[in-house]
């Protein structure tokens, strides 16, 4: 079993809410890099899990630097 931190789950839920808002036409500002992924979701070509994966992968790392 993989443990998911509360912060990670909170970020995931925020991404899901943003993707759904975009699909429903409620998003106001979307970075151009994210627009393509969200458009694919809105067209039914990506699942919400795929959208979250792509957006998390594109996000700058907030972990400790070594």
PDB file of N, CA and C in Angstrom:
ATOM      1  N   UNK A   1       0.841  -1.182   0.000  1.00  0.00           N
ATOM      2  CA  UNK A   1       0.000   0.000   0.000  1.00  0.00           C
ATOM      3  C   UNK A   1       0.882   1.239   0.000  1.00  0.00           C
ATOM      4  N   UNK A   2       0.528   2.197  -0.813  1.00  0.00           N
ATOM      5  CA  UNK A   2       1.290   3.444  -0.901  1.00  0.00           C
ATOM      6  C   UNK A   2       0.629   4.487  -0.020  1.00  0.00           C
ATOM      7  N   UNK A   3       1.407   5.093   0.861  1.00  0.00           N
ATOM      8  CA  UNK A   3       0.881   6.151   1.717  1.00  0.00           C
ATOM      9  C   UNK A   3       0.910   7.467   0.950  1.00  0.00           C
ATOM     10  N   UNK A   4      -0.188   8.187   0.999  1.00  0.00           N
ATOM     11  CA  UNK A   4      -0.275   9.491   0.340  1.00  0.00           C
ATOM     12  C   UNK A   4      -0.406  10.539   1.427  1.00  0.00           C
ATOM     13  N   UNK A   5       0.471  11.529   1.379  1.00  0.00           N
ATOM     14  CA  UNK A   5       0.419  12.562   2.398  1.00  0.00           C
ATOM     15  C   UNK A   5      -0.812  13.435   2.195  1.00  0.00           C
ATOM     16  N   UNK A   6      -1.227  14.101   3.267  1.00  0.00           N
ATOM     17  CA  UNK A   6      -2.391  14.987   3.188  1.00  0.00           C
ATOM     18  C   UNK A   6      -2.124  16.117   2.200  1.00  0.00           C
ATOM     19  N   UNK A   7      -0.888  16.626   2.155  1.00  0.00           N
ATOM     20  CA  UNK A   7      -0.550  17.702   1.229  1.00  0.00           C
ATOM     21  C   UNK A   7      -0.654  17.225  -0.215  1.00  0.00           C
ATOM     22  N   UNK A   8      -0.179  16.017  -0.491  1.00  0.00           N
ATOM     23  CA  UNK A   8      -0.254  15.461  -1.837  1.00  0.00           C
ATOM     24  C   UNK A   8      -1.708  15.278  -2.250  1.00  0.00           C
ATOM     25  N   UNK A   9      -2.527  14.762  -1.359  1.00  0.00           N
ATOM     26  CA  UNK A   9      -3.945  14.559  -1.662  1.00  0.00           C
ATOM     27  C   UNK A   9      -4.642  15.906  -1.861  1.00  0.00           C
ATOM     28  N   UNK A  10      -4.268  16.897  -1.073  1.00  0.00           N
ATOM     29  CA  UNK A  10      -4.857  18.234  -1.217  1.00  0.00           C
ATOM     30  C   UNK A  10      -4.496  18.818  -2.585  1.00  0.00           C
ATOM     31  N   UNK A  11      -3.244  18.663  -3.009  1.00  0.00           N
ATOM     32  CA  UNK A  11      -2.809  19.144  -4.318  1.00  0.00           C
ATOM     33  C   UNK A  11      -3.554  18.413  -5.433  1.00  0.00           C
ATOM     34  N   UNK A  12      -3.713  17.114  -5.282  1.00  0.00           N
ATOM     35  CA  UNK A  12      -4.428  16.320  -6.282  1.00  0.00           C
ATOM     36  C   UNK A  12      -5.873  16.797  -6.406  1.00  0.00           C
ATOM     37  N   UNK A  13      -6.529  17.030  -5.282  1.00  0.00           N
ATOM     38  CA  UNK A  13      -7.909  17.500  -5.313  1.00  0.00           C
ATOM     39  C   UNK A  13      -8.014  18.885  -5.951  1.00  0.00           C
ATOM     40  N   UNK A  14      -7.036  19.736  -5.685  1.00  0.00           N
ATOM     41  CA  UNK A  14      -7.028  21.065  -6.305  1.00  0.00           C
ATOM     42  C   UNK A  14      -6.874  20.949  -7.823  1.00  0.00           C
ATOM     43  N   UNK A  15      -6.015  20.043  -8.284  1.00  0.00           N
ATOM     44  CA  UNK A  15      -5.843  19.837  -9.722  1.00  0.00           C
ATOM     45  C   UNK A  15      -7.121  19.291 -10.358  1.00  0.00           C
ATOM     46  N   UNK A  16      -7.759  18.363  -9.680  1.00  0.00           N
ATOM     47  CA  UNK A  16      -9.012  17.803 -10.196  1.00  0.00           C
ATOM     48  C   UNK A  16     -10.075  18.891 -10.294  1.00  0.00           C
ATOM     49  N   UNK A  17     -10.202  19.697  -9.250  1.00  0.00           N
ATOM     50  CA  UNK A  17     -11.187  20.781  -9.273  1.00  0.00           C
ATOM     51  C   UNK A  17     -10.895  21.777 -10.387  1.00  0.00           C
ATOM     52  N   UNK A  18      -9.625  22.096 -10.594  1.00  0.00           N
ATOM     53  CA  UNK A  18      -9.255  23.034 -11.658  1.00  0.00           C
ATOM     54  C   UNK A  18      -9.573  22.448 -13.029  1.00  0.00           C
ATOM     55  N   UNK A  19      -9.292  21.168 -13.220  1.00  0.00           N
ATOM     56  CA  UNK A  19      -9.563  20.527 -14.510  1.00  0.00           C
ATOM     57  C   UNK A  19     -11.059  20.500 -14.805  1.00  0.00           C
ATOM     58  N   UNK A  20     -11.841  20.185 -13.798  1.00  0.00           N
ATOM     59  CA  UNK A  20     -13.292  20.143 -13.993  1.00  0.00           C
ATOM     60  C   UNK A  20     -13.839  21.547 -14.239  1.00  0.00           C
ATOM     61  N   UNK A  21     -13.332  22.526 -13.530  1.00  0.00           N
ATOM     62  CA  UNK A  21     -13.763  23.908 -13.756  1.00  0.00           C
ATOM     63  C   UNK A  21     -13.426  24.343 -15.172  1.00  0.00           C
ATOM     64  N   UNK A  22     -12.245  23.983 -15.641  1.00  0.00           N
ATOM     65  CA  UNK A  22     -11.839  24.325 -17.007  1.00  0.00           C
ATOM     66  C   UNK A  22     -12.790  23.679 -18.008  1.00  0.00           C
ATOM     67  N   UNK A  23     -13.070  22.413 -17.800  1.00  0.00           N
ATOM     68  CA  UNK A  23     -13.956  21.683 -18.705  1.00  0.00           C
ATOM     69  C   UNK A  23     -15.339  22.329 -18.752  1.00  0.00           C
ATOM     70  N   UNK A  24     -15.793  22.819 -17.628  1.00  0.00           N
ATOM     71  CA  UNK A  24     -17.116  23.434 -17.540  1.00  0.00           C
ATOM     72  C   UNK A  24     -17.108  24.913 -17.912  1.00  0.00           C
ATOM     73  N   UNK A  25     -15.942  25.434 -18.316  1.00  0.00           N
ATOM     74  CA  UNK A  25     -15.850  26.817 -18.767  1.00  0.00           C
ATOM     75  C   UNK A  25     -15.694  27.847 -17.673  1.00  0.00           C
ATOM     76  N   UNK A  26     -15.294  27.416 -16.476  1.00  0.00           N
ATOM     77  CA  UNK A  26     -15.175  28.347 -15.362  1.00  0.00           C
ATOM     78  C   UNK A  26     -13.751  28.792 -15.058  1.00  0.00           C
ATOM     79  N   UNK A  27     -12.781  28.256 -15.739  1.00  0.00           N
ATOM     80  CA  UNK A  27     -11.388  28.632 -15.475  1.00  0.00           C
ATOM     81  C   UNK A  27     -11.110  30.001 -16.075  1.00  0.00           C
ATOM     82  N   UNK A  28     -10.412  30.840 -15.350  1.00  0.00           N
ATOM     83  CA  UNK A  28     -10.119  32.177 -15.842  1.00  0.00           C
ATOM     84  C   UNK A  28      -8.717  32.267 -16.430  1.00  0.00           C
ATOM     85  N   UNK A  29      -7.737  31.798 -15.706  1.00  0.00           N
ATOM     86  CA  UNK A  29      -6.365  31.875 -16.181  1.00  0.00           C
ATOM     87  C   UNK A  29      -5.748  30.483 -16.197  1.00  0.00           C
ATOM     88  N   UNK A  30      -5.306  30.078 -17.371  1.00  0.00           N
ATOM     89  CA  UNK A  30      -4.666  28.779 -17.519  1.00  0.00           C
ATOM     90  C   UNK A  30      -3.350  28.993 -18.255  1.00  0.00           C
ATOM     91  N   UNK A  31      -2.277  28.470 -17.681  1.00  0.00           N
ATOM     92  CA  UNK A  31      -0.976  28.579 -18.336  1.00  0.00           C
ATOM     93  C   UNK A  31      -1.032  27.872 -19.686  1.00  0.00           C
ATOM     94  N   UNK A  32      -0.404  28.452 -20.692  1.00  0.00           N
ATOM     95  CA  UNK A  32      -0.423  27.824 -22.021  1.00  0.00           C
ATOM     96  C   UNK A  32       0.043  26.372 -22.009  1.00  0.00           C
ATOM     97  N   UNK A  33       1.000  26.053 -21.175  1.00  0.00           N
ATOM     98  CA  UNK A  33       1.506  24.678 -21.100  1.00  0.00           C
ATOM     99  C   UNK A  33       0.437  23.714 -20.579  1.00  0.00           C
ATOM    100  N   UNK A  34      -0.486  24.202 -19.765  1.00  0.00           N
ATOM    101  CA  UNK A  34      -1.533  23.364 -19.196  1.00  0.00           C
ATOM    102  C   UNK A  34      -2.766  23.311 -20.084  1.00  0.00           C
ATOM    103  N   UNK A  35      -2.937  24.315 -20.922  1.00  0.00           N
ATOM    104  CA  UNK A  35      -4.135  24.415 -21.752  1.00  0.00           C
ATOM    105  C   UNK A  35      -4.307  23.192 -22.656  1.00  0.00           C
ATOM    106  N   UNK A  36      -3.237  22.705 -23.249  1.00  0.00           N
ATOM    107  CA  UNK A  36      -3.336  21.562 -24.154  1.00  0.00           C
ATOM    108  C   UNK A  36      -3.830  20.315 -23.421  1.00  0.00           C
ATOM    109  N   UNK A  37      -3.280  20.067 -22.237  1.00  0.00           N
ATOM    110  CA  UNK A  37      -3.700  18.901 -21.456  1.00  0.00           C
ATOM    111  C   UNK A  37      -5.165  19.041 -21.052  1.00  0.00           C
ATOM    112  N   UNK A  38      -5.556  20.234 -20.607  1.00  0.00           N
ATOM    113  CA  UNK A  38      -6.935  20.448 -20.193  1.00  0.00           C
ATOM    114  C   UNK A  38      -7.900  20.368 -21.372  1.00  0.00           C
ATOM    115  N   UNK A  39      -7.468  20.832 -22.541  1.00  0.00           N
ATOM    116  CA  UNK A  39      -8.302  20.695 -23.734  1.00  0.00           C
ATOM    117  C   UNK A  39      -8.527  19.226 -24.066  1.00  0.00           C
ATOM    118  N   UNK A  40      -7.498  18.405 -23.942  1.00  0.00           N
ATOM    119  CA  UNK A  40      -7.627  16.977 -24.224  1.00  0.00           C
ATOM    120  C   UNK A  40      -8.604  16.328 -23.234  1.00  0.00           C
ATOM    121  N   UNK A  41      -8.563  16.762 -21.980  1.00  0.00           N
ATOM    122  CA  UNK A  41      -9.500  16.266 -20.975  1.00  0.00           C
ATOM    123  C   UNK A  41     -10.924  16.682 -21.331  1.00  0.00           C
ATOM    124  N   UNK A  42     -11.101  17.946 -21.700  1.00  0.00           N
ATOM    125  CA  UNK A  42     -12.426  18.456 -22.043  1.00  0.00           C
ATOM    126  C   UNK A  42     -13.022  17.708 -23.236  1.00  0.00           C
ATOM    127  N   UNK A  43     -12.169  17.259 -24.134  1.00  0.00           N
ATOM    128  CA  UNK A  43     -12.628  16.511 -25.310  1.00  0.00           C
ATOM    129  C   UNK A  43     -12.822  15.026 -25.022  1.00  0.00           C
ATOM    130  N   UNK A  44     -12.500  14.601 -23.797  1.00  0.00           N
ATOM    131  CA  UNK A  44     -12.670  13.198 -23.425  1.00  0.00           C
ATOM    132  C   UNK A  44     -11.525  12.303 -23.864  1.00  0.00           C
ATOM    133  N   UNK A  45     -10.412  12.897 -24.238  1.00  0.00           N
ATOM    134  CA  UNK A  45      -9.263  12.118 -24.711  1.00  0.00           C
ATOM    135  C   UNK A  45      -8.295  11.734 -23.605  1.00  0.00           C
ATOM    136  N   UNK A  46      -8.423  12.373 -22.444  1.00  0.00           N
ATOM    137  CA  UNK A  46      -7.605  12.034 -21.277  1.00  0.00           C
ATOM    138  C   UNK A  46      -8.522  11.831 -20.086  1.00  0.00           C
ATOM    139  N   UNK A  47      -8.126  10.937 -19.187  1.00  0.00           N
ATOM    140  CA  UNK A  47      -8.862  10.762 -17.937  1.00  0.00           C
ATOM    141  C   UNK A  47      -8.374  11.798 -16.935  1.00  0.00           C
ATOM    142  N   UNK A  48      -9.123  11.968 -15.861  1.00  0.00           N
ATOM    143  CA  UNK A  48      -8.703  12.908 -14.829  1.00  0.00           C
ATOM    144  C   UNK A  48      -7.376  12.480 -14.214  1.00  0.00           C
ATOM    145  N   UNK A  49      -7.152  11.177 -14.087  1.00  0.00           N
ATOM    146  CA  UNK A  49      -5.880  10.692 -13.548  1.00  0.00           C
ATOM    147  C   UNK A  49      -4.717  11.068 -14.464  1.00  0.00           C
ATOM    148  N   UNK A  50      -4.932  10.975 -15.776  1.00  0.00           N
ATOM    149  CA  UNK A  50      -3.883  11.366 -16.725  1.00  0.00           C
ATOM    150  C   UNK A  50      -3.601  12.859 -16.641  1.00  0.00           C
ATOM    151  N   UNK A  51      -4.655  13.655 -16.502  1.00  0.00           N
ATOM    152  CA  UNK A  51      -4.475  15.109 -16.377  1.00  0.00           C
ATOM    153  C   UNK A  51      -3.657  15.426 -15.138  1.00  0.00           C
ATOM    154  N   UNK A  52      -4.020  14.821 -14.009  1.00  0.00           N
ATOM    155  CA  UNK A  52      -3.282  15.057 -12.763  1.00  0.00           C
ATOM    156  C   UNK A  52      -1.824  14.652 -12.926  1.00  0.00           C
ATOM    157  N   UNK A  53      -1.579  13.512 -13.551  1.00  0.00           N
ATOM    158  CA  UNK A  53      -0.206  13.051 -13.773  1.00  0.00           C
ATOM    159  C   UNK A  53       0.588  14.072 -14.588  1.00  0.00           C
ATOM    160  N   UNK A  54       0.028  14.520 -15.701  1.00  0.00           N
ATOM    161  CA  UNK A  54       0.739  15.475 -16.560  1.00  0.00           C
ATOM    162  C   UNK A  54       0.969  16.812 -15.856  1.00  0.00           C
ATOM    163  N   UNK A  55      -0.036  17.295 -15.146  1.00  0.00           N
ATOM    164  CA  UNK A  55       0.118  18.585 -14.470  1.00  0.00           C
ATOM    165  C   UNK A  55       1.103  18.503 -13.315  1.00  0.00           C
ATOM    166  N   UNK A  56       1.087  17.385 -12.584  1.00  0.00           N
ATOM    167  CA  UNK A  56       2.064  17.216 -11.503  1.00  0.00           C
ATOM    168  C   UNK A  56       3.477  17.103 -12.061  1.00  0.00           C
ATOM    169  N   UNK A  57       3.620  16.405 -13.184  1.00  0.00           N
ATOM    170  CA  UNK A  57       4.944  16.251 -13.796  1.00  0.00           C
ATOM    171  C   UNK A  57       5.470  17.587 -14.306  1.00  0.00           C
ATOM    172  N   UNK A  58       4.574  18.476 -14.727  1.00  0.00           N
ATOM    173  CA  UNK A  58       4.982  19.776 -15.259  1.00  0.00           C
ATOM    174  C   UNK A  58       5.242  20.797 -14.157  1.00  0.00           C
ATOM    175  N   UNK A  59       4.758  20.519 -12.947  1.00  0.00           N
ATOM    176  CA  UNK A  59       4.915  21.460 -11.839  1.00  0.00           C
ATOM    177  C   UNK A  59       6.365  21.494 -11.372  1.00  0.00           C
ATOM    178  N   UNK A  60       6.832  22.680 -10.987  1.00  0.00           N
ATOM    179  CA  UNK A  60       8.195  22.765 -10.449  1.00  0.00           C
ATOM    180  C   UNK A  60       8.296  21.982  -9.141  1.00  0.00           C
ATOM    181  N   UNK A  61       9.409  21.354  -8.950  1.00  0.00           N
ATOM    182  CA  UNK A  61       9.643  20.565  -7.744  1.00  0.00           C
ATOM    183  C   UNK A  61       9.725  21.470  -6.536  1.00  0.00           C
ATOM    184  N   UNK A  62       9.077  21.054  -5.437  1.00  0.00           N
ATOM    185  CA  UNK A  62       9.150  21.828  -4.199  1.00  0.00           C
ATOM    186  C   UNK A  62       9.917  21.085  -3.121  1.00  0.00           C
ATOM    187  N   UNK A  63      10.514  19.991  -3.504  1.00  0.00           N
ATOM    188  CA  UNK A  63      11.276  19.173  -2.555  1.00  0.00           C
ATOM    189  C   UNK A  63      12.626  19.806  -2.246  1.00  0.00           C
ATOM    190  N   UNK A  64      13.330  19.225  -1.281  1.00  0.00           N
ATOM    191  CA  UNK A  64      14.645  19.748  -0.928  1.00  0.00           C
ATOM    192  C   UNK A  64      15.637  19.552  -2.058  1.00  0.00           C
ATOM    193  N   UNK A  65      16.480  20.523  -2.269  1.00  0.00           N
ATOM    194  CA  UNK A  65      17.513  20.394  -3.306  1.00  0.00           C
ATOM    195  C   UNK A  65      18.762  19.794  -2.700  1.00  0.00           C
ATOM    196  N   UNK A  66      19.462  19.007  -3.497  1.00  0.00           N
ATOM    197  CA  UNK A  66      20.695  18.354  -3.024  1.00  0.00           C
ATOM    198  C   UNK A  66      21.868  18.839  -3.815  1.00  0.00           C
TER     199      UNK A  66
END
